[in-house]
Amino acid sequence: MKTTKFLDYDCVSLENASLSLLVTQSVGPRVISLCLNGGDNLFAVLPDFVTRRPDGENFHFHGGHRLWHAPEHMPRTYVLDNAPVTIEQMQNSLSITQQVELETGIEKSIHISVVDDKPQVVVRHTLTNCGPWPVECAPWAITQFRTGGIAILPQSQTHTEFLPNRSLALWPYTDITSAHVSWGNRYILVRSEIKEGAFKIGFPNPRGWLAYWRSGTLFVKRATFEAQAAYYDFGSSSECYCNNQFLELETLAPIGTLSPRASATHTETWELYDNVEPPENEDTVQAIVEKLGLG
């Protein structure tokens, strides 16, 4: 394995001709860096961003990409993950496994593969129930980006004669009058320029992708939407959270019950594009979608 130091993290690198990734050995599992064509790290790095647990311990977000299990609950979701992880390297891939969470009995693992020399990554997230009783949960994949960009949240375009075709989940702190959000019929745009407070929305996402644009680079993540399945957060398979330090794009798997020793896997595909014009409004977004064939 090719190892390196990134800030205070011991990391393993994975790369091809188009992109490079850094996965932390010190904590995690976390993908702490993603760079396209030798450019800047797209991910937020947050060594000092913490949330206080009821027991007085601080949960460190670290930044980058992580795996949680829904639904969100304190302290269950915020089990400390500051211990070293096990990393195995295979051809064009890394497999990262966390120690079993003592508080939940859940083991988290992430398998990351780069696709040939394309700017594409396949990320397989797995939760395994190592405890003695069934656990209802869902894999929840969260990517934290540096601020200064724009998130693109595609909305359902299904046409029905009488029935609704879209829904949104809103959190108590979500200000729907925020000047940083453009509410479109085809796309919602979230500009990560919030100075105080936070913003979050969730929604069922039959189009199966989310995107974040920053400084000419477009990051797209795809995840399968199961129309007949149940999802947490009022049916949300996709979510976006933003504060003054980072913006998150999140995807969730359907709700399931893990029997002892059973696993649930949730797969994302990441695509990166360079020299993309800013997504200033719905029309410019639609032009980007058609040019890149995002669907």
C-alpha atoms as a PDB file:
ATOM      1  CA  MET A   1       0.000   0.000   0.000  1.00  0.00           C
ATOM      2  CA  LYS A   2       1.132   3.527  -0.717  1.00  0.00           C
ATOM      3  CA  THR A   3       1.034   5.462   2.551  1.00  0.00           C
ATOM      4  CA  THR A   4       1.424   9.171   3.209  1.00  0.00           C
ATOM      5  CA  LYS A   5       0.835  11.826   5.839  1.00  0.00           C
ATOM      6  CA  PHE A   6      -2.007  14.322   5.386  1.00  0.00           C
ATOM      7  CA  LEU A   7      -2.189  16.928   8.137  1.00  0.00           C
ATOM      8  CA  ASP A   8      -2.068  14.752  11.288  1.00  0.00           C
ATOM      9  CA  TYR A   9      -3.640  11.724   9.602  1.00  0.00           C
ATOM     10  CA  ASP A  10      -1.833   8.582   8.481  1.00  0.00           C
ATOM     11  CA  CYS A  11      -3.356   7.823   5.090  1.00  0.00           C
ATOM     12  CA  VAL A  12      -3.381   5.294   2.274  1.00  0.00           C
ATOM     13  CA  SER A  13      -3.638   6.631  -1.265  1.00  0.00           C
ATOM     14  CA  LEU A  14      -5.592   5.272  -4.217  1.00  0.00           C
ATOM     15  CA  GLU A  15      -5.302   6.818  -7.649  1.00  0.00           C
ATOM     16  CA  ASN A  16      -5.524   6.452 -11.394  1.00  0.00           C
ATOM     17  CA  ALA A  17      -4.613   8.746 -14.265  1.00  0.00           C
ATOM     18  CA  SER A  18      -7.589  11.044 -13.564  1.00  0.00           C
ATOM     19  CA  LEU A  19      -7.955  11.311  -9.794  1.00  0.00           C
ATOM     20  CA  SER A  20      -6.451  10.570  -6.411  1.00  0.00           C
ATOM     21  CA  LEU A  21      -7.969   9.646  -3.046  1.00  0.00           C
ATOM     22  CA  LEU A  22      -6.645   9.582   0.495  1.00  0.00           C
ATOM     23  CA  VAL A  23      -8.177   7.237   3.077  1.00  0.00           C
ATOM     24  CA  THR A  24      -7.339   7.711   6.748  1.00  0.00           C
ATOM     25  CA  GLN A  25      -5.754   4.897   8.746  1.00  0.00           C
ATOM     26  CA  SER A  26      -5.721   6.902  11.974  1.00  0.00           C
ATOM     27  CA  VAL A  27      -9.509   7.271  12.291  1.00  0.00           C
ATOM     28  CA  GLY A  28     -12.602   6.444  10.354  1.00  0.00           C
ATOM     29  CA  PRO A  29     -13.506   5.032   8.045  1.00  0.00           C
ATOM     30  CA  ARG A  30     -13.003   8.331   6.164  1.00  0.00           C
ATOM     31  CA  VAL A  31     -12.060   9.329   2.643  1.00  0.00           C
ATOM     32  CA  ILE A  32     -10.357  12.570   3.639  1.00  0.00           C
ATOM     33  CA  SER A  33      -9.258  13.834   0.218  1.00  0.00           C
ATOM     34  CA  LEU A  34     -10.398  13.624  -3.401  1.00  0.00           C
ATOM     35  CA  CYS A  35      -8.514  15.489  -6.135  1.00  0.00           C
ATOM     36  CA  LEU A  36      -9.208  15.612  -9.863  1.00  0.00           C
ATOM     37  CA  ASN A  37      -6.219  15.801 -12.225  1.00  0.00           C
ATOM     38  CA  GLY A  38      -3.858  16.912  -9.465  1.00  0.00           C
ATOM     39  CA  GLY A  39      -6.125  19.789  -8.443  1.00  0.00           C
ATOM     40  CA  ASP A  40      -7.280  20.911  -5.018  1.00  0.00           C
ATOM     41  CA  ASN A  41      -8.994  18.662  -2.490  1.00  0.00           C
ATOM     42  CA  LEU A  42     -12.747  18.870  -3.068  1.00  0.00           C
ATOM     43  CA  PHE A  43     -13.558  17.650   0.429  1.00  0.00           C
ATOM     44  CA  ALA A  44     -13.801  19.703   3.602  1.00  0.00           C
ATOM     45  CA  VAL A  45     -11.169  18.884   6.233  1.00  0.00           C
ATOM     46  CA  LEU A  46     -12.537  19.503   9.734  1.00  0.00           C
ATOM     47  CA  PRO A  47     -10.192  18.255  12.458  1.00  0.00           C
ATOM     48  CA  ASP A  48     -11.600  20.723  14.991  1.00  0.00           C
ATOM     49  CA  PHE A  49     -15.316  20.521  14.132  1.00  0.00           C
ATOM     50  CA  VAL A  50     -17.044  18.574  16.929  1.00  0.00           C
ATOM     51  CA  THR A  51     -20.425  17.781  18.442  1.00  0.00           C
ATOM     52  CA  ARG A  52     -20.713  17.190  22.197  1.00  0.00           C
ATOM     53  CA  ARG A  53     -22.269  13.886  23.249  1.00  0.00           C
ATOM     54  CA  PRO A  54     -24.400  13.530  26.412  1.00  0.00           C
ATOM     55  CA  ASP A  55     -21.479  11.782  28.152  1.00  0.00           C
ATOM     56  CA  GLY A  56     -19.285  14.858  27.587  1.00  0.00           C
ATOM     57  CA  GLU A  57     -17.173  13.242  24.847  1.00  0.00           C
ATOM     58  CA  ASN A  58     -16.674  15.108  21.578  1.00  0.00           C
ATOM     59  CA  PHE A  59     -17.545  13.462  18.286  1.00  0.00           C
ATOM     60  CA  HIS A  60     -15.001  14.647  15.685  1.00  0.00           C
ATOM     61  CA  PHE A  61     -16.304  14.932  12.139  1.00  0.00           C
ATOM     62  CA  HIS A  62     -12.810  15.044  10.570  1.00  0.00           C
ATOM     63  CA  GLY A  63     -14.371  15.900   7.180  1.00  0.00           C
ATOM     64  CA  GLY A  64     -14.372  14.076   3.861  1.00  0.00           C
ATOM     65  CA  HIS A  65     -16.665  11.113   3.221  1.00  0.00           C
ATOM     66  CA  ARG A  66     -18.060   8.883   5.956  1.00  0.00           C
ATOM     67  CA  LEU A  67     -20.603   6.129   6.636  1.00  0.00           C
ATOM     68  CA  TRP A  68     -23.300   6.475   9.265  1.00  0.00           C
ATOM     69  CA  HIS A  69     -26.437   4.473   9.990  1.00  0.00           C
ATOM     70  CA  ALA A  70     -29.843   6.149   9.985  1.00  0.00           C
ATOM     71  CA  PRO A  71     -32.000   7.270  11.698  1.00  0.00           C
ATOM     72  CA  GLU A  72     -30.025  10.078  13.312  1.00  0.00           C
ATOM     73  CA  HIS A  73     -30.039   9.815  17.088  1.00  0.00           C
ATOM     74  CA  MET A  74     -27.809  11.095  19.845  1.00  0.00           C
ATOM     75  CA  PRO A  75     -25.692   9.302  20.960  1.00  0.00           C
ATOM     76  CA  ARG A  76     -26.249   6.229  18.751  1.00  0.00           C
ATOM     77  CA  THR A  77     -25.333   7.953  15.488  1.00  0.00           C
ATOM     78  CA  TYR A  78     -22.377   9.713  17.112  1.00  0.00           C
ATOM     79  CA  VAL A  79     -20.433   6.667  18.289  1.00  0.00           C
ATOM     80  CA  LEU A  80     -16.802   7.754  18.522  1.00  0.00           C
ATOM     81  CA  ASP A  81     -14.681   6.671  15.578  1.00  0.00           C
ATOM     82  CA  ASN A  82     -11.262   8.014  16.534  1.00  0.00           C
ATOM     83  CA  ALA A  83      -9.543   4.608  16.586  1.00  0.00           C
ATOM     84  CA  PRO A  84      -7.375   3.248  13.732  1.00  0.00           C
ATOM     85  CA  VAL A  85      -9.105   1.244  11.003  1.00  0.00           C
ATOM     86  CA  THR A  86      -8.056  -1.843   9.066  1.00  0.00           C
ATOM     87  CA  ILE A  87      -7.260  -1.205   5.396  1.00  0.00           C
ATOM     88  CA  GLU A  88      -6.738  -3.900   2.769  1.00  0.00           C
ATOM     89  CA  GLN A  89      -5.611  -3.141  -0.766  1.00  0.00           C
ATOM     90  CA  MET A  90      -6.677  -5.049  -3.844  1.00  0.00           C
ATOM     91  CA  GLN A  91      -6.201  -4.176  -7.494  1.00  0.00           C
ATOM     92  CA  ASN A  92      -7.532  -0.629  -8.006  1.00  0.00           C
ATOM     93  CA  SER A  93      -9.399  -0.737  -4.696  1.00  0.00           C
ATOM     94  CA  LEU A  94      -9.219  -0.341  -0.928  1.00  0.00           C
ATOM     95  CA  SER A  95     -11.365  -1.963   1.746  1.00  0.00           C
ATOM     96  CA  ILE A  96     -11.644  -0.091   5.070  1.00  0.00           C
ATOM     97  CA  THR A  97     -13.150  -1.701   8.169  1.00  0.00           C
ATOM     98  CA  GLN A  98     -13.885  -0.071  11.507  1.00  0.00           C
ATOM     99  CA  GLN A  99     -13.863  -1.835  14.854  1.00  0.00           C
ATOM    100  CA  VAL A 100     -17.332  -2.991  15.903  1.00  0.00           C
ATOM    101  CA  GLU A 101     -19.182  -0.183  17.681  1.00  0.00           C
ATOM    102  CA  LEU A 102     -19.568  -1.268  21.290  1.00  0.00           C
ATOM    103  CA  GLU A 103     -22.667   0.888  21.767  1.00  0.00           C
ATOM    104  CA  THR A 104     -24.565  -0.505  18.765  1.00  0.00           C
ATOM    105  CA  GLY A 105     -22.935  -3.798  17.760  1.00  0.00           C
ATOM    106  CA  ILE A 106     -22.603  -2.454  14.202  1.00  0.00           C
ATOM    107  CA  GLU A 107     -19.462  -2.853  12.098  1.00  0.00           C
ATOM    108  CA  LYS A 108     -18.922  -0.264   9.338  1.00  0.00           C
ATOM    109  CA  SER A 109     -16.877  -0.930   6.229  1.00  0.00           C
ATOM    110  CA  ILE A 110     -16.302   0.936   2.977  1.00  0.00           C
ATOM    111  CA  HIS A 111     -14.944  -0.578  -0.228  1.00  0.00           C
ATOM    112  CA  ILE A 112     -13.591   1.955  -2.736  1.00  0.00           C
ATOM    113  CA  SER A 113     -12.698   1.189  -6.358  1.00  0.00           C
ATOM    114  CA  VAL A 114     -11.351   3.505  -9.037  1.00  0.00           C
ATOM    115  CA  VAL A 115     -12.638   2.760 -12.533  1.00  0.00           C
ATOM    116  CA  ASP A 116      -9.777   2.198 -15.014  1.00  0.00           C
ATOM    117  CA  ASP A 117      -8.352   5.634 -15.831  1.00  0.00           C
ATOM    118  CA  LYS A 118     -11.720   7.375 -15.744  1.00  0.00           C
ATOM    119  CA  PRO A 119     -12.647  10.129 -13.248  1.00  0.00           C
ATOM    120  CA  GLN A 120     -15.027   7.693 -11.573  1.00  0.00           C
ATOM    121  CA  VAL A 121     -15.138   5.940  -8.201  1.00  0.00           C
ATOM    122  CA  VAL A 122     -17.430   3.177  -6.917  1.00  0.00           C
ATOM    123  CA  VAL A 123     -18.010   3.328  -3.163  1.00  0.00           C
ATOM    124  CA  ARG A 124     -19.701   0.380  -1.470  1.00  0.00           C
ATOM    125  CA  HIS A 125     -20.857   1.005   2.125  1.00  0.00           C
ATOM    126  CA  THR A 126     -21.670  -1.960   4.362  1.00  0.00           C
ATOM    127  CA  LEU A 127     -23.214  -2.228   7.812  1.00  0.00           C
ATOM    128  CA  THR A 128     -22.919  -5.595   9.569  1.00  0.00           C
ATOM    129  CA  ASN A 129     -24.838  -6.445  12.718  1.00  0.00           C
ATOM    130  CA  CYS A 130     -22.361  -8.100  15.073  1.00  0.00           C
ATOM    131  CA  GLY A 131     -24.741  -7.908  18.043  1.00  0.00           C
ATOM    132  CA  PRO A 132     -27.145 -10.521  19.466  1.00  0.00           C
ATOM    133  CA  TRP A 133     -30.419  -8.840  18.443  1.00  0.00           C
ATOM    134  CA  PRO A 134     -31.990  -7.470  15.238  1.00  0.00           C
ATOM    135  CA  VAL A 135     -31.370  -3.789  14.457  1.00  0.00           C
ATOM    136  CA  GLU A 136     -33.541  -1.573  12.268  1.00  0.00           C
ATOM    137  CA  CYS A 137     -31.378   0.920  10.376  1.00  0.00           C
ATOM    138  CA  ALA A 138     -30.207   2.075   6.954  1.00  0.00           C
ATOM    139  CA  PRO A 139     -26.741   2.771   5.536  1.00  0.00           C
ATOM    140  CA  TRP A 140     -26.232   6.531   5.201  1.00  0.00           C
ATOM    141  CA  ALA A 141     -23.402   7.874   3.015  1.00  0.00           C
ATOM    142  CA  ILE A 142     -22.314  11.466   3.695  1.00  0.00           C
ATOM    143  CA  THR A 143     -19.815  13.602   1.756  1.00  0.00           C
ATOM    144  CA  GLN A 144     -18.586  16.911   3.187  1.00  0.00           C
ATOM    145  CA  PHE A 145     -17.384  19.517   0.688  1.00  0.00           C
ATOM    146  CA  ARG A 146     -15.487  22.765   1.021  1.00  0.00           C
ATOM    147  CA  THR A 147     -17.707  25.845   0.985  1.00  0.00           C
ATOM    148  CA  GLY A 148     -17.899  28.324  -1.880  1.00  0.00           C
ATOM    149  CA  GLY A 149     -19.741  26.045  -4.298  1.00  0.00           C
ATOM    150  CA  ILE A 150     -23.280  25.202  -5.402  1.00  0.00           C
ATOM    151  CA  ALA A 151     -25.230  22.000  -4.777  1.00  0.00           C
ATOM    152  CA  ILE A 152     -27.620  20.757  -7.475  1.00  0.00           C
ATOM    153  CA  LEU A 153     -30.600  18.777  -6.215  1.00  0.00           C
ATOM    154  CA  PRO A 154     -32.663  17.317  -9.098  1.00  0.00           C
ATOM    155  CA  GLN A 155     -36.399  17.087  -8.590  1.00  0.00           C
ATOM    156  CA  SER A 156     -38.831  14.471  -9.846  1.00  0.00           C
ATOM    157  CA  GLN A 157     -40.180  15.110 -13.346  1.00  0.00           C
ATOM    158  CA  THR A 158     -42.799  12.364 -13.219  1.00  0.00           C
ATOM    159  CA  HIS A 159     -46.165  13.583 -14.519  1.00  0.00           C
ATOM    160  CA  THR A 160     -49.393  12.391 -12.903  1.00  0.00           C
ATOM    161  CA  GLU A 161     -52.940  13.441 -13.661  1.00  0.00           C
ATOM    162  CA  PHE A 162     -54.121  14.073 -10.105  1.00  0.00           C
ATOM    163  CA  LEU A 163     -51.487  12.883  -7.615  1.00  0.00           C
ATOM    164  CA  PRO A 164     -48.464  14.817  -6.258  1.00  0.00           C
ATOM    165  CA  ASN A 165     -45.063  13.991  -7.726  1.00  0.00           C
ATOM    166  CA  ARG A 166     -42.658  15.631  -5.238  1.00  0.00           C
ATOM    167  CA  SER A 167     -42.130  16.010  -1.507  1.00  0.00           C
ATOM    168  CA  LEU A 168     -39.556  17.747   0.689  1.00  0.00           C
ATOM    169  CA  ALA A 169     -38.444  17.096   4.263  1.00  0.00           C
ATOM    170  CA  LEU A 170     -37.526  20.212   6.243  1.00  0.00           C
ATOM    171  CA  TRP A 171     -35.620  20.369   9.540  1.00  0.00           C
ATOM    172  CA  PRO A 172     -36.571  22.758  12.380  1.00  0.00           C
ATOM    173  CA  TYR A 173     -33.584  24.999  11.652  1.00  0.00           C
ATOM    174  CA  THR A 174     -34.258  25.120   7.895  1.00  0.00           C
ATOM    175  CA  ASP A 175     -35.112  28.644   6.739  1.00  0.00           C
ATOM    176  CA  ILE A 176     -37.040  28.295   3.482  1.00  0.00           C
ATOM    177  CA  THR A 177     -36.636  32.037   2.891  1.00  0.00           C
ATOM    178  CA  SER A 178     -32.832  31.740   2.804  1.00  0.00           C
ATOM    179  CA  ALA A 179     -31.282  33.862   0.062  1.00  0.00           C
ATOM    180  CA  HIS A 180     -28.763  31.073  -0.544  1.00  0.00           C
ATOM    181  CA  VAL A 181     -31.390  28.688  -1.944  1.00  0.00           C
ATOM    182  CA  SER A 182     -33.041  28.815  -5.372  1.00  0.00           C
ATOM    183  CA  TRP A 183     -36.261  26.790  -5.460  1.00  0.00           C
ATOM    184  CA  GLY A 184     -36.797  25.505  -8.983  1.00  0.00           C
ATOM    185  CA  ASN A 185     -39.293  23.085 -10.442  1.00  0.00           C
ATOM    186  CA  ARG A 186     -36.573  20.927 -12.041  1.00  0.00           C
ATOM    187  CA  TYR A 187     -33.641  21.677  -9.716  1.00  0.00           C
ATOM    188  CA  ILE A 188     -33.066  23.170  -6.292  1.00  0.00           C
ATOM    189  CA  LEU A 189     -29.756  25.019  -5.954  1.00  0.00           C
ATOM    190  CA  VAL A 190     -28.042  25.508  -2.582  1.00  0.00           C
ATOM    191  CA  ARG A 191     -25.165  27.987  -2.467  1.00  0.00           C
ATOM    192  CA  SER A 192     -22.745  27.137   0.338  1.00  0.00           C
ATOM    193  CA  GLU A 193     -22.287  30.720   1.504  1.00  0.00           C
ATOM    194  CA  ILE A 194     -24.239  30.555   4.770  1.00  0.00           C
ATOM    195  CA  LYS A 195     -22.627  32.740   7.441  1.00  0.00           C
ATOM    196  CA  GLU A 196     -24.563  31.491  10.474  1.00  0.00           C
ATOM    197  CA  GLY A 197     -27.022  28.754  11.342  1.00  0.00           C
ATOM    198  CA  ALA A 198     -27.637  25.759   9.098  1.00  0.00           C
ATOM    199  CA  PHE A 199     -29.902  24.560   6.303  1.00  0.00           C
ATOM    200  CA  LYS A 200     -31.084  21.047   5.448  1.00  0.00           C
ATOM    201  CA  ILE A 201     -33.577  19.460   3.103  1.00  0.00           C
ATOM    202  CA  GLY A 202     -34.325  15.880   2.107  1.00  0.00           C
ATOM    203  CA  PHE A 203     -36.417  14.344  -0.651  1.00  0.00           C
ATOM    204  CA  PRO A 204     -37.172  11.124  -2.519  1.00  0.00           C
ATOM    205  CA  ASN A 205     -34.831  11.154  -5.518  1.00  0.00           C
ATOM    206  CA  PRO A 206     -35.993   8.941  -8.402  1.00  0.00           C
ATOM    207  CA  ARG A 207     -33.463  10.650 -10.700  1.00  0.00           C
ATOM    208  CA  GLY A 208     -30.784   9.019  -8.556  1.00  0.00           C
ATOM    209  CA  TRP A 209     -28.062  11.688  -8.529  1.00  0.00           C
ATOM    210  CA  LEU A 210     -26.861  14.784  -6.674  1.00  0.00           C
ATOM    211  CA  ALA A 211     -24.083  17.194  -7.614  1.00  0.00           C
ATOM    212  CA  TYR A 212     -21.780  19.842  -6.183  1.00  0.00           C
ATOM    213  CA  TRP A 213     -19.994  22.445  -8.308  1.00  0.00           C
ATOM    214  CA  ARG A 214     -16.975  24.367  -7.106  1.00  0.00           C
ATOM    215  CA  SER A 215     -14.352  26.335  -9.057  1.00  0.00           C
ATOM    216  CA  GLY A 216     -15.143  24.681 -12.372  1.00  0.00           C
ATOM    217  CA  THR A 217     -15.240  21.086 -11.069  1.00  0.00           C
ATOM    218  CA  LEU A 218     -18.497  19.157 -10.841  1.00  0.00           C
ATOM    219  CA  PHE A 219     -18.814  16.217  -8.431  1.00  0.00           C
ATOM    220  CA  VAL A 220     -21.763  13.899  -9.120  1.00  0.00           C
ATOM    221  CA  LYS A 221     -22.835  11.080  -6.822  1.00  0.00           C
ATOM    222  CA  ARG A 222     -25.322   8.437  -7.911  1.00  0.00           C
ATOM    223  CA  ALA A 223     -27.301   5.974  -5.801  1.00  0.00           C
ATOM    224  CA  THR A 224     -30.171   3.682  -6.700  1.00  0.00           C
ATOM    225  CA  PHE A 225     -33.663   4.816  -5.673  1.00  0.00           C
ATOM    226  CA  GLU A 226     -36.160   2.079  -4.822  1.00  0.00           C
ATOM    227  CA  ALA A 227     -39.595   3.535  -5.456  1.00  0.00           C
ATOM    228  CA  GLN A 228     -41.505   0.907  -3.451  1.00  0.00           C
ATOM    229  CA  ALA A 229     -39.179   0.973  -0.432  1.00  0.00           C
ATOM    230  CA  ALA A 230     -39.516   2.989   2.791  1.00  0.00           C
ATOM    231  CA  TYR A 231     -36.886   5.605   3.683  1.00  0.00           C
ATOM    232  CA  TYR A 232     -36.221   7.578   6.843  1.00  0.00           C
ATOM    233  CA  ASP A 233     -36.772  11.341   7.138  1.00  0.00           C
ATOM    234  CA  PHE A 234     -40.219  11.411   5.499  1.00  0.00           C
ATOM    235  CA  GLY A 235     -39.110   9.208   2.621  1.00  0.00           C
ATOM    236  CA  SER A 236     -35.816  10.935   1.829  1.00  0.00           C
ATOM    237  CA  SER A 237     -33.286   8.992  -0.237  1.00  0.00           C
ATOM    238  CA  SER A 238     -31.208  12.155  -0.789  1.00  0.00           C
ATOM    239  CA  GLU A 239     -30.378  15.025   1.576  1.00  0.00           C
ATOM    240  CA  CYS A 240     -28.320  18.206   1.588  1.00  0.00           C
ATOM    241  CA  TYR A 241     -26.984  19.960   4.694  1.00  0.00           C
ATOM    242  CA  CYS A 242     -25.063  23.228   4.758  1.00  0.00           C
ATOM    243  CA  ASN A 243     -23.503  25.477   7.396  1.00  0.00           C
ATOM    244  CA  ASN A 244     -20.672  28.013   7.387  1.00  0.00           C
ATOM    245  CA  GLN A 245     -17.922  25.354   7.320  1.00  0.00           C
ATOM    246  CA  PHE A 246     -19.057  22.699   4.836  1.00  0.00           C
ATOM    247  CA  LEU A 247     -21.831  21.422   2.594  1.00  0.00           C
ATOM    248  CA  GLU A 248     -22.948  17.791   2.694  1.00  0.00           C
ATOM    249  CA  LEU A 249     -24.476  15.650  -0.022  1.00  0.00           C
ATOM    250  CA  GLU A 250     -26.068  12.571   1.519  1.00  0.00           C
ATOM    251  CA  THR A 251     -27.721   9.423   0.194  1.00  0.00           C
ATOM    252  CA  LEU A 252     -29.614   6.820   2.191  1.00  0.00           C
ATOM    253  CA  ALA A 253     -30.536   3.215   1.578  1.00  0.00           C
ATOM    254  CA  PRO A 254     -34.071   1.951   2.322  1.00  0.00           C
ATOM    255  CA  ILE A 255     -35.027   1.070   5.893  1.00  0.00           C
ATOM    256  CA  GLY A 256     -34.231  -2.530   6.765  1.00  0.00           C
ATOM    257  CA  THR A 257     -33.822  -4.862   9.724  1.00  0.00           C
ATOM    258  CA  LEU A 258     -30.429  -6.476  10.189  1.00  0.00           C
ATOM    259  CA  SER A 259     -30.572  -9.856  11.878  1.00  0.00           C
ATOM    260  CA  PRO A 260     -27.478 -10.890  13.860  1.00  0.00           C
ATOM    261  CA  ARG A 261     -24.528 -11.405  11.449  1.00  0.00           C
ATOM    262  CA  ALA A 262     -26.511  -9.931   8.535  1.00  0.00           C
ATOM    263  CA  SER A 263     -25.285  -7.041   6.417  1.00  0.00           C
ATOM    264  CA  ALA A 264     -26.771  -4.218   4.346  1.00  0.00           C
ATOM    265  CA  THR A 265     -24.864  -2.574   1.513  1.00  0.00           C
ATOM    266  CA  HIS A 266     -25.423   0.806  -0.136  1.00  0.00           C
ATOM    267  CA  THR A 267     -23.460   1.739  -3.261  1.00  0.00           C
ATOM    268  CA  GLU A 268     -22.608   5.174  -4.610  1.00  0.00           C
ATOM    269  CA  THR A 269     -20.866   5.990  -7.883  1.00  0.00           C
ATOM    270  CA  TRP A 270     -18.874   9.228  -7.992  1.00  0.00           C
ATOM    271  CA  GLU A 271     -18.171  11.049 -11.244  1.00  0.00           C
ATOM    272  CA  LEU A 272     -15.990  14.134 -11.660  1.00  0.00           C
ATOM    273  CA  TYR A 273     -16.032  16.649 -14.503  1.00  0.00           C
ATOM    274  CA  ASP A 274     -13.647  19.518 -15.137  1.00  0.00           C
ATOM    275  CA  ASN A 275     -14.157  22.921 -16.804  1.00  0.00           C
ATOM    276  CA  VAL A 276     -17.881  23.044 -16.057  1.00  0.00           C
ATOM    277  CA  GLU A 277     -19.677  26.383 -16.219  1.00  0.00           C
ATOM    278  CA  PRO A 278     -21.337  27.643 -13.001  1.00  0.00           C
ATOM    279  CA  PRO A 279     -24.884  26.308 -12.421  1.00  0.00           C
ATOM    280  CA  GLU A 280     -26.414  29.749 -11.973  1.00  0.00           C
ATOM    281  CA  ASN A 281     -30.069  28.844 -12.597  1.00  0.00           C
ATOM    282  CA  GLU A 282     -32.305  26.033 -13.827  1.00  0.00           C
ATOM    283  CA  ASP A 283     -31.560  26.673 -17.483  1.00  0.00           C
ATOM    284  CA  THR A 284     -27.787  26.573 -17.030  1.00  0.00           C
ATOM    285  CA  VAL A 285     -28.152  23.410 -14.933  1.00  0.00           C
ATOM    286  CA  GLN A 286     -30.251  21.788 -17.647  1.00  0.00           C
ATOM    287  CA  ALA A 287     -27.576  22.673 -20.199  1.00  0.00           C
ATOM    288  CA  ILE A 288     -24.935  21.014 -17.996  1.00  0.00           C
ATOM    289  CA  VAL A 289     -27.117  17.928 -17.506  1.00  0.00           C
ATOM    290  CA  GLU A 290     -27.633  17.535 -21.256  1.00  0.00           C
ATOM    291  CA  LYS A 291     -23.991  18.226 -22.141  1.00  0.00           C
ATOM    292  CA  LEU A 292     -22.658  15.684 -19.636  1.00  0.00           C
ATOM    293  CA  GLY A 293     -25.474  13.170 -20.080  1.00  0.00           C
ATOM    294  CA  LEU A 294     -26.349  13.112 -16.401  1.00  0.00           C
ATOM    295  CA  GLY A 295     -29.953  12.050 -17.036  1.00  0.00           C
END
